[in-house]
Amino acid sequence: MARIERALLSVTDKTGIVAFAHALSALGIEILSTGGTFRVLKDAGVMPLLEVAEVTEFPEMLDGRVKTLHPRVAGGILAVRSKPEHMAAIAQHGIPRIDLVCVNLYEFEKIAAKADATLEELIENIDIGGPTMIRAAAKNWQDVAVITAASDYTAIVEELLSNDATLSADTHWRLAKAAFATTAGYDRAITNRLAQIPPTGETLSATLDIRAPRTLSLRYGENPHQSAALYATSNTGIAGAEQLQGKELSYNNLVDLDAAWQLVLEFDQPASAIIKHTNPCGCAESASLAESYRRSFEADPVSAFGGVLAFNRLVDAETATEVSKTFIEAIAAPDYAPHALTILAAKKNLRLLRVTAAPLDTVVKSITGGFLAQTADVHRLSRAETTVPTKRQPTEAEWTALEFGWKISKHVKSNAIVYARAGQTISVGAGQMSRVDSVKVGAMKAVLPIHGAIVASDAFFPFPDGLEQAAAHGITAAIQPGGSLRDEEVIAAADRLGLAMVFTGVRHFRH
């Protein structure tokens, strides 16, 4: 590869750019620059340094929109060194070769993350010259090195110092691939954000565009014969969580942690959830986090063994002490008190995740030959939107229990039945092929007394039998969407049994 003699530096993120420019200058590489980058380098005493306008002999214009869009820049980047006609053309027009391009782009994604960003702001933060230079350099990768990430500066300087200001073909190719990925990601971000600007007429985009870097290679998938990896779209949520201790995370750990985390975010009071195979085996909210955990655990201690936990508050020492009494696979929480970390450190294999909450907008699942996408189920129940079709109205205590149980049912695999009291699950019947069987399984698994509890159903009771089964175990009230062809029969059964029943008008299937 030829020696690098001239570099063009034009970056929005100035991190490390001065040190990088000084290192290039020390190697005798001439530096061209633009706008804010030029001013920063000039103030830092970088020499030799030319402003791009001196090369193009044309001033920046249109509020900086036109700076590098010029044949004296594009030609210097795109000329193929091995083609005599290319070299003759740029020599004829006095176009200097540019051997290294270092560009990062306007921070469109930072602006796009603002919910109140105006269309004008979004448009003004779409970079034009930057992607053009990046793509040009990457297209001519064998002759031009293209750098799009500040994290590459150190390695590039080391290689230049070791090889008389040259870079290997492998490095050129690696940088080119990263450059194309950068512009592809940038265009995706623009497309996806502008698609949200009305009028659209659609909640979901006409094109499903998923791009996420692999952040973690997993030992295997759901089973040892399956390969797996984690791909994260941000540093929030379970995918972007920080692991503080413990063994490496497994595929199943991550799935369960996400189920637990989504469940505890339903609650405003301190809450905990214990998940086994994506279903809650215990969940509770209380005045203290430790008490919520104790109440979660006592609902199903057998299933809790080897489970995955989530908390919606900082884990304190008292809670950590309670957790350490049994074997737990992993915990997700917003943070951990120092003493809590000391206590949990005794469980060396216990995986601890510090999680930053993130909104869940779109849910995507793969099917053979494609993907399914839907908006997230973020519905919150309001009493004002419910109806009570039975003769008896729920008491205030029953209302509290019904609202709690309804939140849990949303996170149980359908057919979902939840027995609960105020702030505590009693038992869960999940994933049965008939609703009445879920009622029976939930009752069968109950450790705590069901008598006096409520029952929550994620979808309507198609027949009175499910409600009658629950009533036989002593429940006093039920909450369900309603909407069955046999609603009148179910209501009549509830009246006959002296139950209060609430219709929500909303279904919470989860498959």
Protein backbone atom coordinates (compact mmCIF):
# COMPACT_ATOMS: atom_id res chain seq x y z
CA MET A 1 0.00 0.00 0.00
CA ALA A 2 1.18 3.55 -0.76
CA ARG A 3 2.39 5.94 1.90
CA ILE A 4 -0.31 8.26 3.25
CA GLU A 5 0.61 11.82 2.39
CA ARG A 6 -2.61 13.78 2.83
CA ALA A 7 -5.58 13.34 5.18
CA LEU A 8 -8.97 15.03 5.32
CA LEU A 9 -10.38 15.40 8.85
CA SER A 10 -13.97 16.57 9.32
CA VAL A 11 -15.71 15.36 12.47
CA THR A 12 -18.76 16.26 14.52
CA ASP A 13 -17.49 14.34 17.54
CA LYS A 14 -14.14 15.97 18.33
CA THR A 15 -13.11 13.29 20.84
CA GLY A 16 -9.41 12.50 20.34
CA ILE A 17 -9.17 14.40 17.05
CA VAL A 18 -6.43 16.83 18.18
CA ALA A 19 -4.12 14.04 19.36
CA PHE A 20 -4.85 12.09 16.19
CA ALA A 21 -4.07 15.10 13.99
CA HIS A 22 -0.81 15.81 15.86
CA ALA A 23 0.24 12.19 15.34
CA LEU A 24 -0.48 12.41 11.61
CA SER A 25 1.44 15.68 11.35
CA ALA A 26 4.42 14.14 13.12
CA LEU A 27 4.51 11.55 10.33
CA GLY A 28 4.67 14.32 7.73
CA ILE A 29 1.06 13.90 6.63
CA GLU A 30 -0.61 17.09 5.39
CA ILE A 31 -4.03 17.72 6.92
CA LEU A 32 -7.07 19.23 5.24
CA SER A 33 -10.04 20.16 7.37
CA THR A 34 -13.37 21.99 7.42
CA GLY A 35 -15.42 24.30 9.61
CA GLY A 36 -15.40 23.55 13.31
CA THR A 37 -12.79 20.81 12.99
CA PHE A 38 -10.41 23.21 11.23
CA ARG A 39 -10.81 25.80 13.99
CA VAL A 40 -10.18 23.22 16.73
CA LEU A 41 -7.04 21.92 15.00
CA LYS A 42 -5.75 25.41 14.24
CA ASP A 43 -6.23 26.49 17.86
CA ALA A 44 -4.34 23.36 18.93
CA GLY A 45 -1.38 24.28 16.73
CA VAL A 46 -1.69 21.39 14.28
CA MET A 47 0.62 21.97 11.28
CA PRO A 48 0.65 21.70 8.31
CA LEU A 49 -3.06 22.45 8.11
CA LEU A 50 -5.15 23.62 5.17
CA GLU A 51 -8.84 24.53 5.13
CA VAL A 52 -10.74 22.66 2.44
CA ALA A 53 -11.85 26.00 0.96
CA GLU A 54 -8.19 26.68 0.12
CA VAL A 55 -8.10 23.48 -1.92
CA THR A 56 -11.47 23.89 -3.62
CA GLU A 57 -10.90 27.64 -4.10
CA PHE A 58 -14.56 27.98 -3.23
CA PRO A 59 -15.95 29.21 0.10
CA GLU A 60 -18.28 27.29 2.38
CA MET A 61 -21.85 28.37 1.66
CA LEU A 62 -25.52 27.79 2.43
CA ASP A 63 -24.98 27.72 6.21
CA GLY A 64 -22.24 25.14 5.81
CA ARG A 65 -24.35 22.79 3.69
CA VAL A 66 -21.79 23.05 0.88
CA LYS A 67 -18.19 22.50 1.96
CA THR A 68 -16.77 19.26 0.61
CA LEU A 69 -19.19 18.70 -2.30
CA HIS A 70 -16.61 19.65 -4.92
CA PRO A 71 -14.56 17.83 -7.61
CA ARG A 72 -11.30 18.87 -5.92
CA VAL A 73 -12.37 16.83 -2.90
CA ALA A 74 -14.27 13.99 -4.55
CA GLY A 75 -11.66 13.58 -7.28
CA GLY A 76 -8.83 13.38 -4.78
CA ILE A 77 -10.64 10.62 -2.93
CA LEU A 78 -12.08 8.62 -5.83
CA ALA A 79 -9.10 8.56 -8.20
CA VAL A 80 -7.87 4.96 -8.56
CA ARG A 81 -4.11 5.15 -8.22
CA SER A 82 -3.47 2.17 -10.50
CA LYS A 83 -5.33 3.75 -13.43
CA PRO A 84 -3.09 6.14 -15.39
CA GLU A 85 -6.08 7.92 -16.89
CA HIS A 86 -7.41 8.72 -13.39
CA MET A 87 -4.09 10.09 -12.26
CA ALA A 88 -3.72 12.10 -15.46
CA ALA A 89 -7.20 13.59 -14.97
CA ILE A 90 -6.58 14.83 -11.43
CA ALA A 91 -3.13 16.12 -12.43
CA GLN A 92 -4.66 18.05 -15.34
CA HIS A 93 -7.09 19.79 -13.00
CA GLY A 94 -4.64 20.28 -10.14
CA ILE A 95 -6.57 18.00 -7.77
CA PRO A 96 -4.49 16.77 -4.81
CA ARG A 97 -4.72 13.12 -3.76
CA ILE A 98 -6.43 12.46 -0.46
CA ASP A 99 -5.17 9.22 1.07
CA LEU A 100 -7.03 9.16 4.38
CA VAL A 101 -10.53 10.37 5.21
CA CYS A 102 -11.58 10.75 8.84
CA VAL A 103 -15.24 11.69 9.15
CA ASN A 104 -18.02 11.21 11.67
CA LEU A 105 -21.49 12.47 11.02
CA TYR A 106 -23.96 15.03 12.30
CA GLU A 107 -25.58 13.61 15.42
CA PHE A 108 -28.91 12.86 13.77
CA GLU A 109 -29.71 10.00 16.14
CA LYS A 110 -29.19 12.25 19.18
CA ILE A 111 -31.71 14.74 17.81
CA ALA A 112 -34.01 11.94 16.64
CA ALA A 113 -34.16 10.58 20.21
CA LYS A 114 -35.92 13.77 21.32
CA ALA A 115 -39.66 13.12 21.36
CA ASP A 116 -40.34 16.80 20.63
CA ALA A 117 -37.81 17.18 17.79
CA THR A 118 -39.31 19.24 14.97
CA LEU A 119 -39.14 18.24 11.33
CA GLU A 120 -36.90 21.26 10.71
CA GLU A 121 -34.44 20.10 13.40
CA LEU A 122 -34.38 16.60 11.98
CA ILE A 123 -33.78 17.78 8.42
CA GLU A 124 -31.01 20.20 9.43
CA ASN A 125 -29.19 17.38 11.21
CA ILE A 126 -29.07 15.13 8.16
CA ASP A 127 -25.46 15.07 7.01
CA ILE A 128 -24.84 15.21 3.25
CA GLY A 129 -21.15 15.87 2.69
CA GLY A 130 -20.04 13.44 5.41
CA PRO A 131 -21.73 10.31 4.01
CA THR A 132 -20.59 11.31 0.52
CA MET A 133 -16.93 11.41 1.57
CA ILE A 134 -17.24 8.21 3.60
CA ARG A 135 -18.82 6.28 0.74
CA ALA A 136 -16.33 7.68 -1.77
CA ALA A 137 -13.38 6.65 0.38
CA ALA A 138 -14.85 3.22 1.09
CA LYS A 139 -15.52 2.70 -2.62
CA ASN A 140 -11.85 3.41 -3.27
CA TRP A 141 -10.78 1.42 -0.23
CA GLN A 142 -7.60 -0.02 -1.76
CA ASP A 143 -6.16 3.50 -2.09
CA VAL A 144 -7.90 5.50 0.64
CA ALA A 145 -8.24 4.65 4.32
CA VAL A 146 -11.54 5.78 5.83
CA ILE A 147 -12.02 6.21 9.58
CA THR A 148 -15.49 6.73 11.04
CA ALA A 149 -14.94 5.96 14.73
CA ALA A 150 -12.71 7.72 17.25
CA SER A 151 -12.07 4.34 18.86
CA ASP A 152 -9.91 3.46 15.81
CA TYR A 153 -7.48 6.38 16.18
CA THR A 154 -5.00 4.71 18.52
CA ALA A 155 -4.65 1.50 16.49
CA ILE A 156 -4.33 3.46 13.24
CA VAL A 157 -1.57 5.68 14.63
CA GLU A 158 0.30 2.63 15.96
CA GLU A 159 0.15 0.94 12.58
CA LEU A 160 1.24 4.09 10.76
CA LEU A 161 4.20 4.51 13.11
CA SER A 162 5.24 0.89 12.60
CA ASN A 163 4.94 0.91 8.80
CA ASP A 164 6.32 4.24 7.55
CA ALA A 165 2.88 5.92 7.36
CA THR A 166 1.23 3.05 5.50
CA LEU A 167 -1.68 0.84 6.40
CA SER A 168 -2.12 -2.77 5.37
CA ALA A 169 -4.70 -3.93 2.82
CA ASP A 170 -6.48 -5.79 5.61
CA THR A 171 -6.80 -2.58 7.61
CA HIS A 172 -8.05 -0.67 4.57
CA TRP A 173 -10.69 -3.37 3.96
CA ARG A 174 -11.76 -3.54 7.60
CA LEU A 175 -12.20 0.23 7.73
CA ALA A 176 -14.15 0.25 4.46
CA LYS A 177 -16.63 -2.33 5.72
CA ALA A 178 -17.10 -0.37 8.93
CA ALA A 179 -17.63 2.78 6.84
CA PHE A 180 -20.38 1.22 4.73
CA ALA A 181 -22.03 -0.05 7.91
CA THR A 182 -21.88 3.49 9.31
CA THR A 183 -23.63 5.09 6.35
CA ALA A 184 -26.16 2.25 6.17
CA GLY A 185 -27.01 2.70 9.84
CA TYR A 186 -27.23 6.45 9.42
CA ASP A 187 -29.68 6.15 6.53
CA ARG A 188 -31.74 3.64 8.48
CA ALA A 189 -31.95 6.00 11.44
CA ILE A 190 -33.15 8.81 9.17
CA THR A 191 -35.71 6.63 7.42
CA ASN A 192 -37.09 5.19 10.64
CA ARG A 193 -37.35 8.55 12.42
CA LEU A 194 -38.92 10.43 9.52
CA ALA A 195 -41.47 7.63 9.14
CA GLN A 196 -42.83 8.71 12.53
CA ILE A 197 -43.63 12.21 11.29
CA PRO A 198 -47.34 12.58 10.41
CA PRO A 199 -49.22 12.26 8.23
CA THR A 200 -48.46 8.55 7.86
CA GLY A 201 -51.78 6.79 8.37
CA GLU A 202 -49.90 3.80 9.81
CA THR A 203 -48.72 2.95 13.31
CA LEU A 204 -46.10 0.51 12.04
CA SER A 205 -43.63 1.32 9.28
CA ALA A 206 -44.15 -0.02 5.77
CA THR A 207 -40.67 -1.57 6.02
CA LEU A 208 -39.35 -3.39 9.07
CA ASP A 209 -35.75 -2.31 9.43
CA ILE A 210 -33.75 -4.05 12.16
CA ARG A 211 -30.08 -3.27 12.66
CA ALA A 212 -28.32 -4.12 15.88
CA PRO A 213 -24.66 -4.88 16.57
CA ARG A 214 -23.79 -8.16 18.24
CA THR A 215 -22.86 -7.27 21.80
CA LEU A 216 -22.53 -10.72 23.32
CA SER A 217 -21.84 -14.20 21.97
CA LEU A 218 -23.71 -16.76 24.05
CA ARG A 219 -22.55 -20.29 24.81
CA TYR A 220 -25.70 -21.64 23.17
CA GLY A 221 -29.37 -20.89 22.67
CA GLU A 222 -32.39 -22.37 24.40
CA ASN A 223 -30.66 -25.74 24.11
CA PRO A 224 -26.98 -26.74 23.82
CA HIS A 225 -27.23 -27.69 20.15
CA GLN A 226 -28.41 -24.17 19.18
CA SER A 227 -26.09 -21.21 18.53
CA ALA A 228 -27.05 -17.81 19.96
CA ALA A 229 -25.94 -14.20 20.40
CA LEU A 230 -27.30 -10.98 21.90
CA TYR A 231 -27.82 -7.99 19.61
CA ALA A 232 -28.52 -4.65 21.28
CA THR A 233 -30.09 -1.55 19.77
CA SER A 234 -29.21 0.66 22.74
CA ASN A 235 -27.55 0.67 26.16
CA THR A 236 -30.93 0.55 27.90
CA GLY A 237 -33.28 -2.27 28.86
CA ILE A 238 -32.11 -5.83 29.42
CA ALA A 239 -30.16 -5.94 26.15
CA GLY A 240 -28.09 -2.93 27.21
CA ALA A 241 -27.78 -3.80 30.90
CA GLU A 242 -24.47 -3.75 32.74
CA GLN A 243 -23.50 -7.08 34.28
CA LEU A 244 -21.92 -6.47 37.68
CA GLN A 245 -21.03 -10.03 38.68
CA GLY A 246 -21.69 -13.69 38.06
CA LYS A 247 -21.34 -16.28 35.32
CA GLU A 248 -21.88 -15.39 31.71
CA LEU A 249 -25.50 -14.86 30.78
CA SER A 250 -27.38 -17.52 28.88
CA TYR A 251 -30.07 -17.13 26.24
CA ASN A 252 -32.71 -18.34 28.70
CA ASN A 253 -31.43 -16.00 31.42
CA LEU A 254 -31.92 -13.01 29.12
CA VAL A 255 -35.42 -14.06 28.07
CA ASP A 256 -36.47 -14.57 31.69
CA LEU A 257 -34.79 -11.37 32.88
CA ASP A 258 -36.69 -9.40 30.27
CA ALA A 259 -39.99 -10.98 31.32
CA ALA A 260 -39.28 -10.17 34.97
CA TRP A 261 -38.13 -6.62 34.21
CA GLN A 262 -41.19 -5.81 32.10
CA LEU A 263 -43.45 -7.12 34.89
CA VAL A 264 -41.97 -5.06 37.75
CA LEU A 265 -42.20 -1.90 35.67
CA GLU A 266 -45.99 -2.20 35.93
CA PHE A 267 -45.83 -1.06 39.56
CA ASP A 268 -45.40 2.32 41.21
CA GLN A 269 -44.74 0.90 44.68
CA PRO A 270 -41.65 -1.21 45.50
CA ALA A 271 -42.16 -4.49 43.64
CA SER A 272 -40.42 -7.76 42.91
CA ALA A 273 -41.05 -10.57 40.46
CA ILE A 274 -39.77 -14.13 40.32
CA ILE A 275 -39.83 -15.68 36.85
CA LYS A 276 -39.47 -19.29 35.77
CA HIS A 277 -39.58 -20.12 32.07
CA THR A 278 -40.92 -16.61 31.29
CA ASN A 279 -43.94 -16.96 33.61
CA PRO A 280 -44.22 -15.32 37.04
CA CYS A 281 -44.27 -17.80 39.89
CA GLY A 282 -44.40 -14.95 42.39
CA CYS A 283 -44.91 -11.21 42.30
CA ALA A 284 -45.72 -8.66 44.97
CA GLU A 285 -45.64 -4.97 45.79
CA SER A 286 -45.21 -3.64 49.31
CA ALA A 287 -44.05 -0.64 51.28
CA SER A 288 -40.51 -2.05 51.28
CA LEU A 289 -38.61 -3.96 48.62
CA ALA A 290 -37.59 -6.69 51.04
CA GLU A 291 -41.19 -7.29 52.06
CA SER A 292 -42.25 -7.44 48.41
CA TYR A 293 -39.63 -10.13 47.82
CA ARG A 294 -40.69 -12.15 50.85
CA ARG A 295 -44.30 -12.06 49.65
CA SER A 296 -43.25 -13.01 46.10
CA PHE A 297 -41.20 -15.92 47.36
CA GLU A 298 -43.85 -17.36 49.68
CA ALA A 299 -46.32 -17.68 46.79
CA ASP A 300 -44.29 -20.53 45.24
CA PRO A 301 -40.99 -21.33 47.01
CA VAL A 302 -40.46 -24.53 45.01
CA SER A 303 -40.65 -22.81 41.62
CA ALA A 304 -38.64 -19.84 42.92
CA PHE A 305 -35.59 -22.09 43.35
CA GLY A 306 -33.30 -21.38 40.38
CA GLY A 307 -35.54 -18.56 39.22
CA VAL A 308 -34.78 -15.12 37.83
CA LEU A 309 -35.65 -11.95 39.76
CA ALA A 310 -36.38 -8.34 38.95
CA PHE A 311 -36.86 -5.35 41.23
CA ASN A 312 -38.11 -1.88 40.37
CA ARG A 313 -36.04 -0.19 43.09
CA LEU A 314 -32.44 -0.11 44.21
CA VAL A 315 -31.68 -3.42 45.92
CA ASP A 316 -30.86 -2.69 49.56
CA ALA A 317 -29.02 -4.83 52.09
CA GLU A 318 -32.19 -6.26 53.65
CA THR A 319 -33.48 -7.40 50.27
CA ALA A 320 -30.09 -8.84 49.34
CA THR A 321 -30.03 -10.81 52.60
CA GLU A 322 -33.44 -12.32 51.81
CA VAL A 323 -32.43 -13.19 48.24
CA SER A 324 -29.20 -14.86 49.39
CA LYS A 325 -31.19 -17.47 51.34
CA THR A 326 -31.99 -19.46 48.20
CA PHE A 327 -30.47 -20.29 44.83
CA ILE A 328 -31.27 -17.63 42.23
CA GLU A 329 -29.90 -17.54 38.67
CA ALA A 330 -29.97 -13.82 37.93
CA ILE A 331 -31.30 -10.45 39.10
CA ALA A 332 -32.25 -7.30 37.19
CA ALA A 333 -32.61 -4.03 39.09
CA PRO A 334 -32.07 -0.30 38.55
CA ASP A 335 -29.14 -0.39 40.99
CA TYR A 336 -27.69 -2.02 44.10
CA ALA A 337 -26.59 -0.51 47.39
CA PRO A 338 -22.87 -1.10 48.16
CA HIS A 339 -23.68 -3.32 51.15
CA ALA A 340 -26.15 -5.30 49.03
CA LEU A 341 -23.40 -5.96 46.48
CA THR A 342 -21.13 -7.18 49.27
CA ILE A 343 -23.80 -9.61 50.48
CA LEU A 344 -24.60 -10.89 46.98
CA ALA A 345 -20.91 -11.23 46.11
CA ALA A 346 -20.88 -14.36 48.25
CA LYS A 347 -23.00 -15.95 45.52
CA LYS A 348 -20.20 -15.83 42.94
CA ASN A 349 -22.23 -17.34 40.11
CA LEU A 350 -25.26 -15.12 40.67
CA ARG A 351 -25.63 -12.79 37.70
CA LEU A 352 -26.41 -9.20 38.67
CA LEU A 353 -27.62 -6.74 36.05
CA ARG A 354 -27.94 -2.98 36.45
CA VAL A 355 -30.71 -1.92 34.08
CA THR A 356 -31.73 1.45 32.73
CA ALA A 357 -35.42 1.59 31.92
CA ALA A 358 -36.36 2.05 28.28
CA PRO A 359 -39.71 2.37 26.53
CA LEU A 360 -40.90 -0.71 24.66
CA ASP A 361 -42.36 0.53 21.40
CA THR A 362 -42.43 -2.36 18.95
CA VAL A 363 -42.41 -6.10 19.59
CA VAL A 364 -40.86 -8.25 16.86
CA LYS A 365 -40.90 -12.04 16.53
CA SER A 366 -39.43 -14.22 13.82
CA ILE A 367 -41.54 -16.75 11.97
CA THR A 368 -40.59 -18.98 9.06
CA GLY A 369 -39.82 -16.69 6.16
CA GLY A 370 -40.31 -13.40 7.94
CA PHE A 371 -41.18 -11.38 11.00
CA LEU A 372 -44.24 -10.33 12.93
CA ALA A 373 -44.29 -6.87 14.47
CA GLN A 374 -46.78 -5.24 16.79
CA THR A 375 -46.97 -2.27 19.08
CA ALA A 376 -46.12 -3.12 22.68
CA ASP A 377 -48.91 -3.93 25.14
CA VAL A 378 -48.54 -0.89 27.38
CA HIS A 379 -52.21 -0.61 28.36
CA ARG A 380 -52.83 0.50 31.93
CA LEU A 381 -56.20 -0.25 33.49
CA SER A 382 -58.42 2.61 34.60
CA ARG A 383 -61.40 1.86 36.83
CA ALA A 384 -63.39 4.49 34.95
CA GLU A 385 -63.10 2.41 31.77
CA THR A 386 -64.33 -0.81 33.34
CA THR A 387 -67.85 -2.12 33.85
CA VAL A 388 -69.30 -4.26 36.61
CA PRO A 389 -72.04 -6.44 35.11
CA THR A 390 -72.76 -8.40 38.29
CA LYS A 391 -75.28 -7.54 40.98
CA ARG A 392 -72.53 -7.17 43.55
CA GLN A 393 -69.93 -4.42 43.20
CA PRO A 394 -66.36 -5.15 44.32
CA THR A 395 -65.35 -3.85 47.72
CA GLU A 396 -62.42 -1.42 47.84
CA ALA A 397 -60.17 -4.24 49.03
CA GLU A 398 -61.32 -6.42 46.15
CA TRP A 399 -60.72 -3.59 43.69
CA THR A 400 -57.13 -3.28 44.88
CA ALA A 401 -56.61 -7.03 44.48
CA LEU A 402 -58.33 -7.10 41.09
CA GLU A 403 -56.16 -4.28 39.73
CA PHE A 404 -53.05 -6.03 40.99
CA GLY A 405 -54.05 -9.40 39.56
CA TRP A 406 -54.89 -7.81 36.22
CA LYS A 407 -51.35 -6.42 35.93
CA ILE A 408 -49.92 -9.88 36.53
CA SER A 409 -52.22 -11.59 34.01
CA LYS A 410 -50.78 -9.36 31.28
CA HIS A 411 -47.38 -11.04 31.78
CA VAL A 412 -48.51 -14.67 31.97
CA LYS A 413 -48.55 -16.90 28.91
CA SER A 414 -52.09 -17.48 27.72
CA ASN A 415 -54.34 -19.04 28.71
CA ALA A 416 -53.53 -17.03 31.82
CA ILE A 417 -55.21 -17.31 35.21
CA VAL A 418 -53.92 -15.45 38.26
CA TYR A 419 -55.10 -15.93 41.83
CA ALA A 420 -54.16 -12.89 43.90
CA ARG A 421 -54.72 -10.78 46.95
CA ALA A 422 -53.95 -7.08 47.26
CA GLY A 423 -50.30 -6.73 46.30
CA GLN A 424 -49.49 -10.46 46.15
CA THR A 425 -49.89 -13.34 43.76
CA ILE A 426 -51.32 -16.48 45.30
CA SER A 427 -50.86 -18.77 42.34
CA VAL A 428 -50.60 -18.73 38.57
CA GLY A 429 -52.07 -21.03 35.94
CA ALA A 430 -50.23 -20.50 32.66
CA GLY A 431 -50.12 -21.71 29.10
CA GLN A 432 -52.86 -24.33 29.17
CA MET A 433 -54.82 -25.15 26.04
CA SER A 434 -58.16 -24.50 27.77
CA ARG A 435 -58.95 -21.74 30.23
CA VAL A 436 -60.65 -24.05 32.69
CA ASP A 437 -57.44 -26.12 32.84
CA SER A 438 -55.46 -22.98 33.69
CA VAL A 439 -57.94 -22.37 36.52
CA LYS A 440 -57.35 -25.91 37.78
CA VAL A 441 -53.54 -25.73 37.43
CA GLY A 442 -53.42 -22.43 39.28
CA ALA A 443 -55.47 -23.85 42.14
CA MET A 444 -53.42 -27.04 42.21
CA LYS A 445 -50.15 -25.11 42.51
CA ALA A 446 -51.36 -22.79 45.26
CA VAL A 447 -49.27 -22.83 48.43
CA LEU A 448 -51.05 -19.91 50.06
CA PRO A 449 -54.79 -20.06 50.77
CA ILE A 450 -56.96 -19.15 47.80
CA HIS A 451 -60.05 -18.60 49.93
CA GLY A 452 -60.87 -14.90 49.91
CA ALA A 453 -58.63 -14.16 46.90
CA ILE A 454 -59.60 -12.86 43.47
CA VAL A 455 -59.05 -14.40 40.04
CA ALA A 456 -57.80 -12.53 36.97
CA SER A 457 -58.16 -13.92 33.44
CA ASP A 458 -56.24 -12.46 30.50
CA ALA A 459 -59.16 -13.21 28.13
CA PHE A 460 -62.86 -13.85 28.57
CA PHE A 461 -64.29 -16.96 30.19
CA PRO A 462 -65.88 -18.74 27.20
CA PHE A 463 -68.12 -20.78 29.52
CA PRO A 464 -69.16 -20.51 33.17
CA ASP A 465 -67.07 -23.58 34.10
CA GLY A 466 -63.79 -21.67 34.62
CA LEU A 467 -65.40 -19.16 36.95
CA GLU A 468 -67.26 -21.93 38.77
CA GLN A 469 -63.99 -23.84 39.29
CA ALA A 470 -62.35 -20.74 40.75
CA ALA A 471 -65.36 -20.08 42.98
CA ALA A 472 -65.13 -23.62 44.32
CA HIS A 473 -61.75 -22.65 45.79
CA GLY A 474 -63.18 -19.62 47.58
CA ILE A 475 -62.47 -16.63 45.32
CA THR A 476 -64.75 -13.65 45.93
CA ALA A 477 -64.26 -11.57 42.77
CA ALA A 478 -63.05 -11.87 39.19
CA ILE A 479 -61.66 -9.60 36.52
CA GLN A 480 -61.73 -10.43 32.82
CA PRO A 481 -62.16 -8.65 29.47
CA GLY A 482 -65.71 -9.83 28.77
CA GLY A 483 -66.93 -10.19 25.20
CA SER A 484 -67.85 -13.87 25.09
CA LEU A 485 -70.97 -15.03 23.31
CA ARG A 486 -71.86 -16.57 26.67
CA ASP A 487 -71.17 -13.52 28.82
CA GLU A 488 -74.73 -13.60 30.14
CA GLU A 489 -74.27 -17.19 31.33
CA VAL A 490 -70.97 -16.27 33.02
CA ILE A 491 -72.55 -13.20 34.65
CA ALA A 492 -75.47 -15.32 35.86
CA ALA A 493 -73.02 -17.82 37.36
CA ALA A 494 -71.18 -15.04 39.14
CA ASP A 495 -74.46 -13.69 40.56
CA ARG A 496 -75.52 -17.15 41.65
CA LEU A 497 -72.17 -17.62 43.42
CA GLY A 498 -72.23 -14.15 45.03
CA LEU A 499 -69.15 -12.98 43.15
CA ALA A 500 -68.33 -9.48 42.01
CA MET A 501 -66.99 -9.41 38.46
CA VAL A 502 -65.28 -6.65 36.48
CA PHE A 503 -65.16 -6.40 32.69
CA THR A 504 -62.13 -4.50 31.40
CA GLY A 505 -62.94 -4.55 27.68
CA VAL A 506 -59.22 -5.22 27.05
CA ARG A 507 -57.54 -8.56 26.33
CA HIS A 508 -53.95 -9.39 27.26
CA PHE A 509 -53.00 -12.49 25.26
CA ARG A 510 -49.30 -13.35 25.44
CA HIS A 511 -47.98 -16.18 23.29
